[in-house]
Amino acid sequence: MLPSAELVGYLAAGLTTASFFPQAVKTLRSGDTKAISLGMYALFTSGVALWSLYGLLVNDGPVLAANLITLMPAAIVLQRKIVERR
């Protein structure tokens, strides 16, 4: 018997979200954002925000949950990168 599509979605969302956290935690702990591309992080964070909105609009729980969870540390790292450039 195959797992439900929703279960697969939540598992995929969990794995991709979890894969983001080690680098984000390392960056937040060290405070070093020199190796991070501002353009890439700005695009990434904007994309995550839009995927969150998409998940909300189409009522897709896995997409919404994964992207809201990822958005928090992504926005913090982006903010630190912007502050570092000043």
N, C-alpha and C. Protein backbone atom coordinates (compact mmCIF):
# COMPACT_ATOMS: atom_id res chain seq x y z
N MET A 1 0.84 -1.18 0.00
CA MET A 1 0.00 0.00 0.00
C MET A 1 0.89 1.25 0.00
N LEU A 2 0.59 2.18 -0.86
CA LEU A 2 1.35 3.41 -0.97
C LEU A 2 0.92 4.42 0.09
N PRO A 3 1.88 5.24 0.58
CA PRO A 3 1.50 6.29 1.54
C PRO A 3 0.67 7.36 0.84
N SER A 4 -0.08 8.11 1.61
CA SER A 4 -0.89 9.17 1.03
C SER A 4 0.00 10.28 0.48
N ALA A 5 -0.52 10.99 -0.51
CA ALA A 5 0.23 12.10 -1.10
C ALA A 5 0.54 13.14 -0.03
N GLU A 6 -0.38 13.38 0.88
CA GLU A 6 -0.14 14.37 1.92
C GLU A 6 1.00 13.95 2.85
N LEU A 7 1.06 12.67 3.18
CA LEU A 7 2.14 12.18 4.02
C LEU A 7 3.48 12.34 3.31
N VAL A 8 3.53 11.99 2.04
CA VAL A 8 4.76 12.17 1.26
C VAL A 8 5.14 13.65 1.24
N GLY A 9 4.16 14.52 1.07
CA GLY A 9 4.41 15.96 1.07
C GLY A 9 5.01 16.44 2.39
N TYR A 10 4.45 15.98 3.50
CA TYR A 10 4.98 16.38 4.80
C TYR A 10 6.39 15.83 5.04
N LEU A 11 6.64 14.60 4.60
CA LEU A 11 7.99 14.04 4.73
C LEU A 11 9.00 14.82 3.88
N ALA A 12 8.63 15.12 2.65
CA ALA A 12 9.52 15.90 1.77
C ALA A 12 9.74 17.29 2.35
N ALA A 13 8.69 17.92 2.83
CA ALA A 13 8.80 19.25 3.42
C ALA A 13 9.71 19.20 4.65
N GLY A 14 9.55 18.18 5.46
CA GLY A 14 10.39 18.06 6.66
C GLY A 14 11.86 17.90 6.31
N LEU A 15 12.15 17.08 5.32
CA LEU A 15 13.55 16.87 4.94
C LEU A 15 14.17 18.12 4.33
N THR A 16 13.47 18.78 3.42
CA THR A 16 14.06 19.96 2.79
C THR A 16 14.19 21.10 3.80
N THR A 17 13.24 21.22 4.69
CA THR A 17 13.33 22.25 5.73
C THR A 17 14.49 21.95 6.67
N ALA A 18 14.61 20.70 7.09
CA ALA A 18 15.70 20.30 7.99
C ALA A 18 17.06 20.51 7.34
N SER A 19 17.15 20.32 6.03
CA SER A 19 18.44 20.47 5.35
C SER A 19 18.94 21.91 5.38
N PHE A 20 18.05 22.85 5.52
CA PHE A 20 18.41 24.26 5.54
C PHE A 20 19.01 24.68 6.89
N PHE A 21 18.58 24.05 7.96
CA PHE A 21 18.91 24.52 9.29
C PHE A 21 20.38 24.43 9.70
N PRO A 22 21.15 23.38 9.37
CA PRO A 22 22.55 23.37 9.82
C PRO A 22 23.35 24.60 9.37
N GLN A 23 23.20 25.01 8.12
CA GLN A 23 23.93 26.19 7.64
C GLN A 23 23.41 27.45 8.30
N ALA A 24 22.09 27.56 8.45
CA ALA A 24 21.52 28.75 9.08
C ALA A 24 21.98 28.86 10.53
N VAL A 25 21.97 27.76 11.26
CA VAL A 25 22.41 27.78 12.66
C VAL A 25 23.88 28.15 12.74
N LYS A 26 24.71 27.58 11.87
CA LYS A 26 26.14 27.91 11.86
C LYS A 26 26.34 29.40 11.61
N THR A 27 25.61 29.95 10.66
CA THR A 27 25.72 31.37 10.34
C THR A 27 25.26 32.23 11.52
N LEU A 28 24.16 31.85 12.13
CA LEU A 28 23.64 32.63 13.26
C LEU A 28 24.56 32.56 14.46
N ARG A 29 25.16 31.40 14.71
CA ARG A 29 26.07 31.27 15.85
C ARG A 29 27.37 32.04 15.64
N SER A 30 27.91 31.95 14.44
CA SER A 30 29.20 32.59 14.18
C SER A 30 29.05 34.08 13.87
N GLY A 31 27.90 34.46 13.37
CA GLY A 31 27.69 35.84 12.97
C GLY A 31 28.39 36.19 11.66
N ASP A 32 29.05 35.23 11.06
CA ASP A 32 29.81 35.46 9.83
C ASP A 32 28.92 35.23 8.61
N THR A 33 28.68 36.30 7.88
CA THR A 33 27.86 36.21 6.66
C THR A 33 28.66 36.60 5.42
N LYS A 34 29.98 36.71 5.55
CA LYS A 34 30.81 37.16 4.42
C LYS A 34 30.68 36.25 3.21
N ALA A 35 30.56 34.95 3.42
CA ALA A 35 30.51 34.00 2.30
C ALA A 35 29.11 33.86 1.70
N ILE A 36 28.14 34.56 2.26
CA ILE A 36 26.77 34.46 1.77
C ILE A 36 26.52 35.55 0.73
N SER A 37 25.94 35.16 -0.38
CA SER A 37 25.57 36.11 -1.42
C SER A 37 24.28 36.83 -1.01
N LEU A 38 24.34 38.15 -0.95
CA LEU A 38 23.15 38.92 -0.59
C LEU A 38 22.04 38.70 -1.62
N GLY A 39 22.40 38.72 -2.90
CA GLY A 39 21.39 38.52 -3.94
C GLY A 39 20.72 37.17 -3.84
N MET A 40 21.51 36.12 -3.63
CA MET A 40 20.94 34.78 -3.50
C MET A 40 20.01 34.69 -2.30
N TYR A 41 20.47 35.22 -1.16
CA TYR A 41 19.65 35.12 0.05
C TYR A 41 18.39 35.95 -0.04
N ALA A 42 18.47 37.11 -0.69
CA ALA A 42 17.28 37.94 -0.89
C ALA A 42 16.27 37.20 -1.77
N LEU A 43 16.75 36.60 -2.85
CA LEU A 43 15.85 35.84 -3.73
C LEU A 43 15.29 34.62 -3.02
N PHE A 44 16.14 33.91 -2.29
CA PHE A 44 15.70 32.72 -1.57
C PHE A 44 14.61 33.06 -0.55
N THR A 45 14.86 34.08 0.26
CA THR A 45 13.90 34.47 1.29
C THR A 45 12.59 34.95 0.68
N SER A 46 12.68 35.70 -0.40
CA SER A 46 11.46 36.15 -1.11
C SER A 46 10.70 34.96 -1.66
N GLY A 47 11.42 34.00 -2.23
CA GLY A 47 10.78 32.80 -2.76
C GLY A 47 10.09 31.99 -1.68
N VAL A 48 10.75 31.84 -0.53
CA VAL A 48 10.16 31.11 0.60
C VAL A 48 8.89 31.83 1.07
N ALA A 49 8.93 33.15 1.13
CA ALA A 49 7.74 33.91 1.53
C ALA A 49 6.59 33.69 0.54
N LEU A 50 6.92 33.70 -0.74
CA LEU A 50 5.88 33.48 -1.76
C LEU A 50 5.36 32.05 -1.74
N TRP A 51 6.22 31.06 -1.50
CA TRP A 51 5.74 29.68 -1.37
C TRP A 51 4.82 29.55 -0.16
N SER A 52 5.14 30.28 0.91
CA SER A 52 4.25 30.27 2.08
C SER A 52 2.87 30.81 1.71
N LEU A 53 2.86 31.92 0.99
CA LEU A 53 1.60 32.51 0.54
C LEU A 53 0.85 31.54 -0.37
N TYR A 54 1.57 30.90 -1.27
CA TYR A 54 0.96 29.91 -2.17
C TYR A 54 0.31 28.78 -1.35
N GLY A 55 1.07 28.24 -0.40
CA GLY A 55 0.54 27.17 0.44
C GLY A 55 -0.72 27.58 1.16
N LEU A 56 -0.77 28.82 1.61
CA LEU A 56 -1.96 29.35 2.27
C LEU A 56 -3.12 29.47 1.29
N LEU A 57 -2.85 30.02 0.11
CA LEU A 57 -3.90 30.26 -0.87
C LEU A 57 -4.53 28.97 -1.40
N VAL A 58 -3.71 27.92 -1.57
CA VAL A 58 -4.25 26.67 -2.11
C VAL A 58 -4.51 25.64 -1.01
N ASN A 59 -4.34 26.08 0.23
CA ASN A 59 -4.60 25.21 1.39
C ASN A 59 -3.76 23.94 1.33
N ASP A 60 -2.45 24.12 1.06
CA ASP A 60 -1.52 23.00 0.99
C ASP A 60 -0.66 23.01 2.25
N GLY A 61 -1.05 22.18 3.21
CA GLY A 61 -0.38 22.15 4.51
C GLY A 61 1.12 21.92 4.46
N PRO A 62 1.60 20.90 3.71
CA PRO A 62 3.04 20.66 3.68
C PRO A 62 3.83 21.86 3.13
N VAL A 63 3.35 22.47 2.08
CA VAL A 63 4.03 23.62 1.48
C VAL A 63 4.03 24.79 2.46
N LEU A 64 2.90 25.04 3.06
CA LEU A 64 2.78 26.15 4.01
C LEU A 64 3.68 25.94 5.22
N ALA A 65 3.61 24.77 5.83
CA ALA A 65 4.38 24.50 7.04
C ALA A 65 5.89 24.59 6.79
N ALA A 66 6.34 23.92 5.74
CA ALA A 66 7.78 23.90 5.46
C ALA A 66 8.31 25.31 5.22
N ASN A 67 7.58 26.07 4.46
CA ASN A 67 8.08 27.40 4.11
C ASN A 67 7.96 28.40 5.24
N LEU A 68 6.95 28.30 6.05
CA LEU A 68 6.87 29.20 7.22
C LEU A 68 8.00 28.91 8.19
N ILE A 69 8.31 27.63 8.38
CA ILE A 69 9.39 27.26 9.29
C ILE A 69 10.73 27.75 8.74
N THR A 70 10.94 27.60 7.45
CA THR A 70 12.19 28.02 6.82
C THR A 70 12.31 29.54 6.76
N LEU A 71 11.19 30.22 6.63
CA LEU A 71 11.20 31.68 6.48
C LEU A 71 11.81 32.38 7.70
N MET A 72 11.55 31.86 8.88
CA MET A 72 12.04 32.54 10.08
C MET A 72 13.56 32.67 10.10
N PRO A 73 14.32 31.57 10.06
CA PRO A 73 15.78 31.74 10.09
C PRO A 73 16.32 32.37 8.82
N ALA A 74 15.68 32.14 7.68
CA ALA A 74 16.15 32.77 6.44
C ALA A 74 16.06 34.28 6.54
N ALA A 75 14.98 34.79 7.09
CA ALA A 75 14.81 36.23 7.24
C ALA A 75 15.83 36.80 8.22
N ILE A 76 16.13 36.06 9.27
CA ILE A 76 17.12 36.52 10.25
C ILE A 76 18.51 36.58 9.62
N VAL A 77 18.89 35.53 8.89
CA VAL A 77 20.20 35.52 8.22
C VAL A 77 20.27 36.65 7.20
N LEU A 78 19.20 36.85 6.44
CA LEU A 78 19.17 37.94 5.46
C LEU A 78 19.34 39.29 6.14
N GLN A 79 18.65 39.49 7.23
CA GLN A 79 18.76 40.75 7.97
C GLN A 79 20.19 40.97 8.45
N ARG A 80 20.82 39.91 8.95
CA ARG A 80 22.22 40.04 9.41
C ARG A 80 23.16 40.33 8.26
N LYS A 81 22.89 39.73 7.10
CA LYS A 81 23.73 40.00 5.93
C LYS A 81 23.60 41.45 5.50
N ILE A 82 22.38 41.98 5.52
CA ILE A 82 22.16 43.37 5.14
C ILE A 82 22.87 44.30 6.12
N VAL A 83 22.77 44.02 7.41
CA VAL A 83 23.42 44.84 8.43
C VAL A 83 24.95 44.78 8.27
N GLU A 84 25.48 43.60 7.97
CA GLU A 84 26.93 43.44 7.80
C GLU A 84 27.45 44.27 6.62
N ARG A 85 26.66 44.40 5.57
CA ARG A 85 27.10 45.16 4.38
C ARG A 85 27.18 46.65 4.64
N ARG A 86 26.48 47.13 5.64
CA ARG A 86 26.49 48.57 5.94
C ARG A 86 27.69 48.92 6.65
